[in-house]
Amino acid sequence: MTATELTHYISLIERDRRLNAWHFSLLTAILFLALKQGRAEAIKVSRSRIMRLAHITTVPTYHKYFKSLQQMGYIVYRPSYHPAVRSELDVKKQPLR
């Protein structure tokens, strides 16, 4: 992910009135990982890492807003059910309206 892509994405989420502070927190953590890994697709993630970066302390809160972001089309999540392989997600350039 480039700085230009990051700026574009932040401007999209800034205008979406459906999002609240929990959504922003999760998206910020995800975008940080995307920027750090240099890509917006196939970002390697773990629940514990995202929760720590987003300052979310309860699993139900994490799941509620993470699922909401998937339903809104902001992210596409591909879970890995193997303990040694991290799950992946894609940041969508154009979320659902």
PDB file of N, CA and C in Angstrom:
ATOM      1  N   MET A   1       0.850  -1.171   0.000  1.00  0.00           N
ATOM      2  CA  MET A   1       0.000   0.000   0.000  1.00  0.00           C
ATOM      3  C   MET A   1       0.894   1.232   0.000  1.00  0.00           C
ATOM      4  N   THR A   2       0.581   2.164  -0.858  1.00  0.00           N
ATOM      5  CA  THR A   2       1.341   3.406  -0.951  1.00  0.00           C
ATOM      6  C   THR A   2       0.663   4.491  -0.127  1.00  0.00           C
ATOM      7  N   ALA A   3       1.368   5.588   0.063  1.00  0.00           N
ATOM      8  CA  ALA A   3       0.807   6.708   0.807  1.00  0.00           C
ATOM      9  C   ALA A   3      -0.402   7.290   0.077  1.00  0.00           C
ATOM     10  N   THR A   4      -0.367   7.304  -1.244  1.00  0.00           N
ATOM     11  CA  THR A   4      -1.496   7.802  -2.031  1.00  0.00           C
ATOM     12  C   THR A   4      -2.722   6.923  -1.840  1.00  0.00           C
ATOM     13  N   GLU A   5      -2.534   5.607  -1.868  1.00  0.00           N
ATOM     14  CA  GLU A   5      -3.646   4.676  -1.636  1.00  0.00           C
ATOM     15  C   GLU A   5      -4.205   4.863  -0.225  1.00  0.00           C
ATOM     16  N   LEU A   6      -3.323   5.045   0.728  1.00  0.00           N
ATOM     17  CA  LEU A   6      -3.740   5.242   2.119  1.00  0.00           C
ATOM     18  C   LEU A   6      -4.572   6.515   2.250  1.00  0.00           C
ATOM     19  N   THR A   7      -4.132   7.590   1.639  1.00  0.00           N
ATOM     20  CA  THR A   7      -4.862   8.856   1.670  1.00  0.00           C
ATOM     21  C   THR A   7      -6.241   8.701   1.032  1.00  0.00           C
ATOM     22  N   HIS A   8      -6.295   8.017  -0.103  1.00  0.00           N
ATOM     23  CA  HIS A   8      -7.577   7.773  -0.776  1.00  0.00           C
ATOM     24  C   HIS A   8      -8.513   6.983   0.132  1.00  0.00           C
ATOM     25  N   TYR A   9      -7.997   5.948   0.755  1.00  0.00           N
ATOM     26  CA  TYR A   9      -8.814   5.094   1.598  1.00  0.00           C
ATOM     27  C   TYR A   9      -9.337   5.855   2.815  1.00  0.00           C
ATOM     28  N   ILE A  10      -8.488   6.661   3.420  1.00  0.00           N
ATOM     29  CA  ILE A  10      -8.912   7.435   4.591  1.00  0.00           C
ATOM     30  C   ILE A  10      -9.999   8.429   4.199  1.00  0.00           C
ATOM     31  N   SER A  11      -9.900   9.023   3.018  1.00  0.00           N
ATOM     32  CA  SER A  11     -10.942   9.963   2.582  1.00  0.00           C
ATOM     33  C   SER A  11     -12.270   9.240   2.358  1.00  0.00           C
ATOM     34  N   LEU A  12     -12.228   7.973   1.935  1.00  0.00           N
ATOM     35  CA  LEU A  12     -13.456   7.189   1.774  1.00  0.00           C
ATOM     36  C   LEU A  12     -14.125   6.930   3.119  1.00  0.00           C
ATOM     37  N   ILE A  13     -13.350   6.476   4.084  1.00  0.00           N
ATOM     38  CA  ILE A  13     -13.948   6.129   5.375  1.00  0.00           C
ATOM     39  C   ILE A  13     -14.372   7.367   6.153  1.00  0.00           C
ATOM     40  N   GLU A  14     -13.724   8.479   5.883  1.00  0.00           N
ATOM     41  CA  GLU A  14     -14.073   9.726   6.551  1.00  0.00           C
ATOM     42  C   GLU A  14     -15.502  10.158   6.215  1.00  0.00           C
ATOM     43  N   ARG A  15     -15.950   9.884   4.997  1.00  0.00           N
ATOM     44  CA  ARG A  15     -17.274  10.318   4.542  1.00  0.00           C
ATOM     45  C   ARG A  15     -18.387   9.327   4.867  1.00  0.00           C
ATOM     46  N   ASP A  16     -18.050   8.123   5.294  1.00  0.00           N
ATOM     47  CA  ASP A  16     -19.059   7.092   5.534  1.00  0.00           C
ATOM     48  C   ASP A  16     -19.672   7.263   6.924  1.00  0.00           C
ATOM     49  N   ARG A  17     -20.916   7.703   6.968  1.00  0.00           N
ATOM     50  CA  ARG A  17     -21.576   7.986   8.234  1.00  0.00           C
ATOM     51  C   ARG A  17     -21.993   6.720   8.981  1.00  0.00           C
ATOM     52  N   ARG A  18     -21.886   5.562   8.354  1.00  0.00           N
ATOM     53  CA  ARG A  18     -22.220   4.303   9.037  1.00  0.00           C
ATOM     54  C   ARG A  18     -21.137   3.903  10.040  1.00  0.00           C
ATOM     55  N   LEU A  19     -19.943   4.430   9.870  1.00  0.00           N
ATOM     56  CA  LEU A  19     -18.807   4.022  10.698  1.00  0.00           C
ATOM     57  C   LEU A  19     -18.768   4.783  12.013  1.00  0.00           C
ATOM     58  N   ASN A  20     -18.360   4.061  13.065  1.00  0.00           N
ATOM     59  CA  ASN A  20     -18.195   4.698  14.369  1.00  0.00           C
ATOM     60  C   ASN A  20     -16.742   4.538  14.827  1.00  0.00           C
ATOM     61  N   ALA A  21     -16.462   4.896  16.053  1.00  0.00           N
ATOM     62  CA  ALA A  21     -15.090   4.877  16.569  1.00  0.00           C
ATOM     63  C   ALA A  21     -14.480   3.474  16.542  1.00  0.00           C
ATOM     64  N   TRP A  22     -15.289   2.444  16.798  1.00  0.00           N
ATOM     65  CA  TRP A  22     -14.767   1.073  16.777  1.00  0.00           C
ATOM     66  C   TRP A  22     -14.346   0.683  15.363  1.00  0.00           C
ATOM     67  N   HIS A  23     -15.159   1.049  14.374  1.00  0.00           N
ATOM     68  CA  HIS A  23     -14.801   0.776  12.978  1.00  0.00           C
ATOM     69  C   HIS A  23     -13.491   1.486  12.616  1.00  0.00           C
ATOM     70  N   PHE A  24     -13.404   2.764  12.986  1.00  0.00           N
ATOM     71  CA  PHE A  24     -12.201   3.531  12.684  1.00  0.00           C
ATOM     72  C   PHE A  24     -10.971   2.909  13.334  1.00  0.00           C
ATOM     73  N   SER A  25     -11.131   2.467  14.549  1.00  0.00           N
ATOM     74  CA  SER A  25     -10.024   1.855  15.267  1.00  0.00           C
ATOM     75  C   SER A  25      -9.535   0.591  14.550  1.00  0.00           C
ATOM     76  N   LEU A  26     -10.464  -0.261  14.169  1.00  0.00           N
ATOM     77  CA  LEU A  26     -10.093  -1.483  13.442  1.00  0.00           C
ATOM     78  C   LEU A  26      -9.480  -1.163  12.081  1.00  0.00           C
ATOM     79  N   LEU A  27     -10.101  -0.244  11.351  1.00  0.00           N
ATOM     80  CA  LEU A  27      -9.575   0.115  10.035  1.00  0.00           C
ATOM     81  C   LEU A  27      -8.191   0.736  10.134  1.00  0.00           C
ATOM     82  N   THR A  28      -7.959   1.538  11.149  1.00  0.00           N
ATOM     83  CA  THR A  28      -6.642   2.133  11.340  1.00  0.00           C
ATOM     84  C   THR A  28      -5.596   1.048  11.583  1.00  0.00           C
ATOM     85  N   ALA A  29      -5.928   0.065  12.407  1.00  0.00           N
ATOM     86  CA  ALA A  29      -5.005  -1.040  12.666  1.00  0.00           C
ATOM     87  C   ALA A  29      -4.733  -1.828  11.389  1.00  0.00           C
ATOM     88  N   ILE A  30      -5.780  -2.101  10.623  1.00  0.00           N
ATOM     89  CA  ILE A  30      -5.631  -2.859   9.379  1.00  0.00           C
ATOM     90  C   ILE A  30      -4.808  -2.074   8.364  1.00  0.00           C
ATOM     91  N   LEU A  31      -5.091  -0.773   8.242  1.00  0.00           N
ATOM     92  CA  LEU A  31      -4.337   0.057   7.300  1.00  0.00           C
ATOM     93  C   LEU A  31      -2.875   0.182   7.720  1.00  0.00           C
ATOM     94  N   PHE A  32      -2.618   0.223   9.015  1.00  0.00           N
ATOM     95  CA  PHE A  32      -1.240   0.239   9.495  1.00  0.00           C
ATOM     96  C   PHE A  32      -0.506  -1.033   9.058  1.00  0.00           C
ATOM     97  N   LEU A  33      -1.158  -2.181   9.223  1.00  0.00           N
ATOM     98  CA  LEU A  33      -0.540  -3.442   8.797  1.00  0.00           C
ATOM     99  C   LEU A  33      -0.337  -3.477   7.283  1.00  0.00           C
ATOM    100  N   ALA A  34      -1.318  -2.954   6.546  1.00  0.00           N
ATOM    101  CA  ALA A  34      -1.199  -2.911   5.086  1.00  0.00           C
ATOM    102  C   ALA A  34      -0.022  -2.043   4.663  1.00  0.00           C
ATOM    103  N   LEU A  35       0.116  -0.893   5.283  1.00  0.00           N
ATOM    104  CA  LEU A  35       1.216   0.013   4.968  1.00  0.00           C
ATOM    105  C   LEU A  35       2.552  -0.623   5.343  1.00  0.00           C
ATOM    106  N   LYS A  36       2.589  -1.240   6.501  1.00  0.00           N
ATOM    107  CA  LYS A  36       3.818  -1.883   6.977  1.00  0.00           C
ATOM    108  C   LYS A  36       4.237  -3.037   6.065  1.00  0.00           C
ATOM    109  N   GLN A  37       3.244  -3.794   5.551  1.00  0.00           N
ATOM    110  CA  GLN A  37       3.538  -4.929   4.673  1.00  0.00           C
ATOM    111  C   GLN A  37       3.655  -4.507   3.211  1.00  0.00           C
ATOM    112  N   GLY A  38       3.324  -3.246   2.913  1.00  0.00           N
ATOM    113  CA  GLY A  38       3.475  -2.724   1.572  1.00  0.00           C
ATOM    114  C   GLY A  38       2.459  -3.228   0.567  1.00  0.00           C
ATOM    115  N   ARG A  39       1.278  -3.596   1.047  1.00  0.00           N
ATOM    116  CA  ARG A  39       0.246  -4.097   0.130  1.00  0.00           C
ATOM    117  C   ARG A  39      -1.136  -3.915   0.741  1.00  0.00           C
ATOM    118  N   ALA A  40      -2.145  -3.898  -0.154  1.00  0.00           N
ATOM    119  CA  ALA A  40      -3.531  -3.774   0.291  1.00  0.00           C
ATOM    120  C   ALA A  40      -4.276  -5.086   0.092  1.00  0.00           C
ATOM    121  N   GLU A  41      -3.590  -6.066  -0.444  1.00  0.00           N
ATOM    122  CA  GLU A  41      -4.182  -7.384  -0.667  1.00  0.00           C
ATOM    123  C   GLU A  41      -3.293  -8.433  -0.021  1.00  0.00           C
ATOM    124  N   ALA A  42      -3.918  -9.481   0.439  1.00  0.00           N
ATOM    125  CA  ALA A  42      -3.219 -10.594   1.095  1.00  0.00           C
ATOM    126  C   ALA A  42      -2.391 -10.115   2.293  1.00  0.00           C
ATOM    127  N   ILE A  43      -2.997  -9.237   3.087  1.00  0.00           N
ATOM    128  CA  ILE A  43      -2.347  -8.750   4.302  1.00  0.00           C
ATOM    129  C   ILE A  43      -2.407  -9.868   5.338  1.00  0.00           C
ATOM    130  N   LYS A  44      -1.283 -10.221   5.887  1.00  0.00           N
ATOM    131  CA  LYS A  44      -1.224 -11.257   6.921  1.00  0.00           C
ATOM    132  C   LYS A  44      -1.659 -10.650   8.249  1.00  0.00           C
ATOM    133  N   VAL A  45      -2.665 -11.257   8.865  1.00  0.00           N
ATOM    134  CA  VAL A  45      -3.223 -10.696  10.093  1.00  0.00           C
ATOM    135  C   VAL A  45      -3.441 -11.775  11.148  1.00  0.00           C
ATOM    136  N   SER A  46      -3.539 -11.325  12.379  1.00  0.00           N
ATOM    137  CA  SER A  46      -3.983 -12.181  13.478  1.00  0.00           C
ATOM    138  C   SER A  46      -4.908 -11.344  14.348  1.00  0.00           C
ATOM    139  N   ARG A  47      -5.899 -11.996  14.919  1.00  0.00           N
ATOM    140  CA  ARG A  47      -6.861 -11.294  15.755  1.00  0.00           C
ATOM    141  C   ARG A  47      -6.168 -10.570  16.899  1.00  0.00           C
ATOM    142  N   SER A  48      -5.243 -11.228  17.551  1.00  0.00           N
ATOM    143  CA  SER A  48      -4.586 -10.619  18.706  1.00  0.00           C
ATOM    144  C   SER A  48      -3.803  -9.367  18.317  1.00  0.00           C
ATOM    145  N   ARG A  49      -3.165  -9.393  17.166  1.00  0.00           N
ATOM    146  CA  ARG A  49      -2.392  -8.231  16.710  1.00  0.00           C
ATOM    147  C   ARG A  49      -3.326  -7.069  16.371  1.00  0.00           C
ATOM    148  N   ILE A  50      -4.394  -7.346  15.652  1.00  0.00           N
ATOM    149  CA  ILE A  50      -5.332  -6.285  15.300  1.00  0.00           C
ATOM    150  C   ILE A  50      -5.972  -5.707  16.559  1.00  0.00           C
ATOM    151  N   MET A  51      -6.357  -6.566  17.484  1.00  0.00           N
ATOM    152  CA  MET A  51      -6.971  -6.088  18.727  1.00  0.00           C
ATOM    153  C   MET A  51      -5.999  -5.197  19.500  1.00  0.00           C
ATOM    154  N   ARG A  52      -4.759  -5.601  19.567  1.00  0.00           N
ATOM    155  CA  ARG A  52      -3.754  -4.817  20.292  1.00  0.00           C
ATOM    156  C   ARG A  52      -3.557  -3.444  19.625  1.00  0.00           C
ATOM    157  N   LEU A  53      -3.415  -3.432  18.298  1.00  0.00           N
ATOM    158  CA  LEU A  53      -3.222  -2.173  17.576  1.00  0.00           C
ATOM    159  C   LEU A  53      -4.450  -1.268  17.662  1.00  0.00           C
ATOM    160  N   ALA A  54      -5.645  -1.868  17.669  1.00  0.00           N
ATOM    161  CA  ALA A  54      -6.897  -1.107  17.699  1.00  0.00           C
ATOM    162  C   ALA A  54      -7.318  -0.722  19.117  1.00  0.00           C
ATOM    163  N   HIS A  55      -6.600  -1.205  20.122  1.00  0.00           N
ATOM    164  CA  HIS A  55      -6.938  -0.944  21.527  1.00  0.00           C
ATOM    165  C   HIS A  55      -8.331  -1.461  21.866  1.00  0.00           C
ATOM    166  N   ILE A  56      -8.658  -2.621  21.308  1.00  0.00           N
ATOM    167  CA  ILE A  56      -9.914  -3.304  21.625  1.00  0.00           C
ATOM    168  C   ILE A  56      -9.564  -4.449  22.556  1.00  0.00           C
ATOM    169  N   THR A  57     -10.251  -4.525  23.686  1.00  0.00           N
ATOM    170  CA  THR A  57      -9.865  -5.507  24.698  1.00  0.00           C
ATOM    171  C   THR A  57     -10.804  -6.698  24.818  1.00  0.00           C
ATOM    172  N   THR A  58     -11.989  -6.626  24.206  1.00  0.00           N
ATOM    173  CA  THR A  58     -12.909  -7.752  24.319  1.00  0.00           C
ATOM    174  C   THR A  58     -13.143  -8.393  22.954  1.00  0.00           C
ATOM    175  N   VAL A  59     -13.128  -9.708  22.932  1.00  0.00           N
ATOM    176  CA  VAL A  59     -13.305 -10.464  21.690  1.00  0.00           C
ATOM    177  C   VAL A  59     -14.686 -10.221  21.070  1.00  0.00           C
ATOM    178  N   PRO A  60     -15.777 -10.181  21.850  1.00  0.00           N
ATOM    179  CA  PRO A  60     -17.076  -9.916  21.225  1.00  0.00           C
ATOM    180  C   PRO A  60     -17.132  -8.567  20.488  1.00  0.00           C
ATOM    181  N   THR A  61     -16.533  -7.536  21.069  1.00  0.00           N
ATOM    182  CA  THR A  61     -16.501  -6.228  20.399  1.00  0.00           C
ATOM    183  C   THR A  61     -15.724  -6.327  19.104  1.00  0.00           C
ATOM    184  N   TYR A  62     -14.569  -6.973  19.144  1.00  0.00           N
ATOM    185  CA  TYR A  62     -13.754  -7.162  17.944  1.00  0.00           C
ATOM    186  C   TYR A  62     -14.574  -7.857  16.855  1.00  0.00           C
ATOM    187  N   HIS A  63     -15.191  -8.980  17.193  1.00  0.00           N
ATOM    188  CA  HIS A  63     -15.936  -9.754  16.200  1.00  0.00           C
ATOM    189  C   HIS A  63     -17.122  -8.967  15.633  1.00  0.00           C
ATOM    190  N   LYS A  64     -17.814  -8.238  16.482  1.00  0.00           N
ATOM    191  CA  LYS A  64     -18.970  -7.462  16.028  1.00  0.00           C
ATOM    192  C   LYS A  64     -18.570  -6.450  14.960  1.00  0.00           C
ATOM    193  N   TYR A  65     -17.533  -5.684  15.206  1.00  0.00           N
ATOM    194  CA  TYR A  65     -17.153  -4.628  14.273  1.00  0.00           C
ATOM    195  C   TYR A  65     -16.324  -5.152  13.104  1.00  0.00           C
ATOM    196  N   PHE A  66     -15.578  -6.206  13.311  1.00  0.00           N
ATOM    197  CA  PHE A  66     -14.840  -6.824  12.208  1.00  0.00           C
ATOM    198  C   PHE A  66     -15.826  -7.400  11.189  1.00  0.00           C
ATOM    199  N   LYS A  67     -16.855  -8.082  11.682  1.00  0.00           N
ATOM    200  CA  LYS A  67     -17.882  -8.630  10.803  1.00  0.00           C
ATOM    201  C   LYS A  67     -18.633  -7.515  10.085  1.00  0.00           C
ATOM    202  N   SER A  68     -18.905  -6.441  10.790  1.00  0.00           N
ATOM    203  CA  SER A  68     -19.577  -5.296  10.196  1.00  0.00           C
ATOM    204  C   SER A  68     -18.767  -4.714   9.040  1.00  0.00           C
ATOM    205  N   LEU A  69     -17.458  -4.621   9.204  1.00  0.00           N
ATOM    206  CA  LEU A  69     -16.601  -4.119   8.122  1.00  0.00           C
ATOM    207  C   LEU A  69     -16.629  -5.045   6.909  1.00  0.00           C
ATOM    208  N   GLN A  70     -16.732  -6.337   7.159  1.00  0.00           N
ATOM    209  CA  GLN A  70     -16.853  -7.288   6.051  1.00  0.00           C
ATOM    210  C   GLN A  70     -18.181  -7.090   5.322  1.00  0.00           C
ATOM    211  N   GLN A  71     -19.258  -6.952   6.077  1.00  0.00           N
ATOM    212  CA  GLN A  71     -20.584  -6.784   5.476  1.00  0.00           C
ATOM    213  C   GLN A  71     -20.697  -5.482   4.692  1.00  0.00           C
ATOM    214  N   MET A  72     -20.019  -4.445   5.142  1.00  0.00           N
ATOM    215  CA  MET A  72     -20.043  -3.166   4.444  1.00  0.00           C
ATOM    216  C   MET A  72     -19.126  -3.157   3.225  1.00  0.00           C
ATOM    217  N   GLY A  73     -18.307  -4.185   3.100  1.00  0.00           N
ATOM    218  CA  GLY A  73     -17.437  -4.285   1.942  1.00  0.00           C
ATOM    219  C   GLY A  73     -16.092  -3.598   2.080  1.00  0.00           C
ATOM    220  N   TYR A  74     -15.717  -3.224   3.280  1.00  0.00           N
ATOM    221  CA  TYR A  74     -14.416  -2.580   3.477  1.00  0.00           C
ATOM    222  C   TYR A  74     -13.263  -3.572   3.420  1.00  0.00           C
ATOM    223  N   ILE A  75     -13.514  -4.784   3.883  1.00  0.00           N
ATOM    224  CA  ILE A  75     -12.465  -5.806   3.884  1.00  0.00           C
ATOM    225  C   ILE A  75     -13.037  -7.136   3.406  1.00  0.00           C
ATOM    226  N   VAL A  76     -12.143  -7.955   2.875  1.00  0.00           N
ATOM    227  CA  VAL A  76     -12.470  -9.338   2.538  1.00  0.00           C
ATOM    228  C   VAL A  76     -11.519 -10.187   3.363  1.00  0.00           C
ATOM    229  N   TYR A  77     -12.090 -11.041   4.189  1.00  0.00           N
ATOM    230  CA  TYR A  77     -11.320 -11.843   5.140  1.00  0.00           C
ATOM    231  C   TYR A  77     -11.255 -13.291   4.687  1.00  0.00           C
ATOM    232  N   ARG A  78     -10.048 -13.835   4.695  1.00  0.00           N
ATOM    233  CA  ARG A  78      -9.835 -15.250   4.377  1.00  0.00           C
ATOM    234  C   ARG A  78      -9.147 -15.914   5.580  1.00  0.00           C
ATOM    235  N   PRO A  79      -9.951 -16.574   6.410  1.00  0.00           N
ATOM    236  CA  PRO A  79      -9.360 -17.180   7.607  1.00  0.00           C
ATOM    237  C   PRO A  79      -8.498 -18.392   7.274  1.00  0.00           C
ATOM    238  N   SER A  80      -7.495 -18.580   8.085  1.00  0.00           N
ATOM    239  CA  SER A  80      -6.668 -19.776   8.003  1.00  0.00           C
ATOM    240  C   SER A  80      -6.992 -20.607   9.243  1.00  0.00           C
ATOM    241  N   TYR A  81      -7.343 -21.829   9.031  1.00  0.00           N
ATOM    242  CA  TYR A  81      -7.672 -22.679  10.167  1.00  0.00           C
ATOM    243  C   TYR A  81      -6.474 -23.489  10.630  1.00  0.00           C
ATOM    244  N   HIS A  82      -5.315 -23.169  10.081  1.00  0.00           N
ATOM    245  CA  HIS A  82      -4.071 -23.847  10.453  1.00  0.00           C
ATOM    246  C   HIS A  82      -3.321 -22.958  11.438  1.00  0.00           C
ATOM    247  N   PRO A  83      -2.900 -23.493  12.574  1.00  0.00           N
ATOM    248  CA  PRO A  83      -2.259 -22.657  13.598  1.00  0.00           C
ATOM    249  C   PRO A  83      -0.940 -22.028  13.168  1.00  0.00           C
ATOM    250  N   ALA A  84      -0.271 -22.599  12.191  1.00  0.00           N
ATOM    251  CA  ALA A  84       1.021 -22.061  11.760  1.00  0.00           C
ATOM    252  C   ALA A  84       0.905 -21.107  10.574  1.00  0.00           C
ATOM    253  N   VAL A  85      -0.304 -20.952  10.022  1.00  0.00           N
ATOM    254  CA  VAL A  85      -0.504 -20.092   8.851  1.00  0.00           C
ATOM    255  C   VAL A  85      -1.432 -18.946   9.247  1.00  0.00           C
ATOM    256  N   ARG A  86      -0.972 -17.729   9.011  1.00  0.00           N
ATOM    257  CA  ARG A  86      -1.778 -16.561   9.383  1.00  0.00           C
ATOM    258  C   ARG A  86      -2.915 -16.346   8.396  1.00  0.00           C
ATOM    259  N   SER A  87      -3.993 -15.803   8.901  1.00  0.00           N
ATOM    260  CA  SER A  87      -5.129 -15.440   8.052  1.00  0.00           C
ATOM    261  C   SER A  87      -4.746 -14.245   7.193  1.00  0.00           C
ATOM    262  N   GLU A  88      -5.534 -14.027   6.126  1.00  0.00           N
ATOM    263  CA  GLU A  88      -5.275 -12.912   5.229  1.00  0.00           C
ATOM    264  C   GLU A  88      -6.537 -12.082   5.057  1.00  0.00           C
ATOM    265  N   LEU A  89      -6.339 -10.821   4.717  1.00  0.00           N
ATOM    266  CA  LEU A  89      -7.471  -9.995   4.331  1.00  0.00           C
ATOM    267  C   LEU A  89      -7.040  -9.013   3.263  1.00  0.00           C
ATOM    268  N   ASP A  90      -8.022  -8.562   2.507  1.00  0.00           N
ATOM    269  CA  ASP A  90      -7.824  -7.557   1.467  1.00  0.00           C
ATOM    270  C   ASP A  90      -8.588  -6.306   1.874  1.00  0.00           C
ATOM    271  N   VAL A  91      -7.976  -5.156   1.638  1.00  0.00           N
ATOM    272  CA  VAL A  91      -8.658  -3.884   1.833  1.00  0.00           C
ATOM    273  C   VAL A  91      -9.269  -3.529   0.486  1.00  0.00           C
ATOM    274  N   LYS A  92     -10.588  -3.363   0.472  1.00  0.00           N
ATOM    275  CA  LYS A  92     -11.281  -3.051  -0.771  1.00  0.00           C
ATOM    276  C   LYS A  92     -11.159  -1.564  -1.094  1.00  0.00           C
ATOM    277  N   LYS A  93     -10.890  -1.277  -2.351  1.00  0.00           N
ATOM    278  CA  LYS A  93     -10.729   0.105  -2.775  1.00  0.00           C
ATOM    279  C   LYS A  93     -12.051   0.864  -2.827  1.00  0.00           C
ATOM    280  N   GLN A  94     -13.147   0.129  -3.020  1.00  0.00           N
ATOM    281  CA  GLN A  94     -14.460   0.758  -3.095  1.00  0.00           C
ATOM    282  C   GLN A  94     -15.446  -0.061  -2.277  1.00  0.00           C
ATOM    283  N   PRO A  95     -15.744   0.329  -1.034  1.00  0.00           N
ATOM    284  CA  PRO A  95     -16.681  -0.430  -0.194  1.00  0.00           C
ATOM    285  C   PRO A  95     -18.107  -0.363  -0.749  1.00  0.00           C
ATOM    286  N   LEU A  96     -18.945  -1.257  -0.274  1.00  0.00           N
ATOM    287  CA  LEU A  96     -20.353  -1.286  -0.677  1.00  0.00           C
ATOM    288  C   LEU A  96     -21.088  -0.098  -0.081  1.00  0.00           C
ATOM    289  N   ARG A  97     -22.066   0.404  -0.768  1.00  0.00           N
ATOM    290  CA  ARG A  97     -22.887   1.518  -0.261  1.00  0.00           C
ATOM    291  C   ARG A  97     -24.263   1.045   0.048  1.00  0.00           C
TER     292      ARG A  97
END
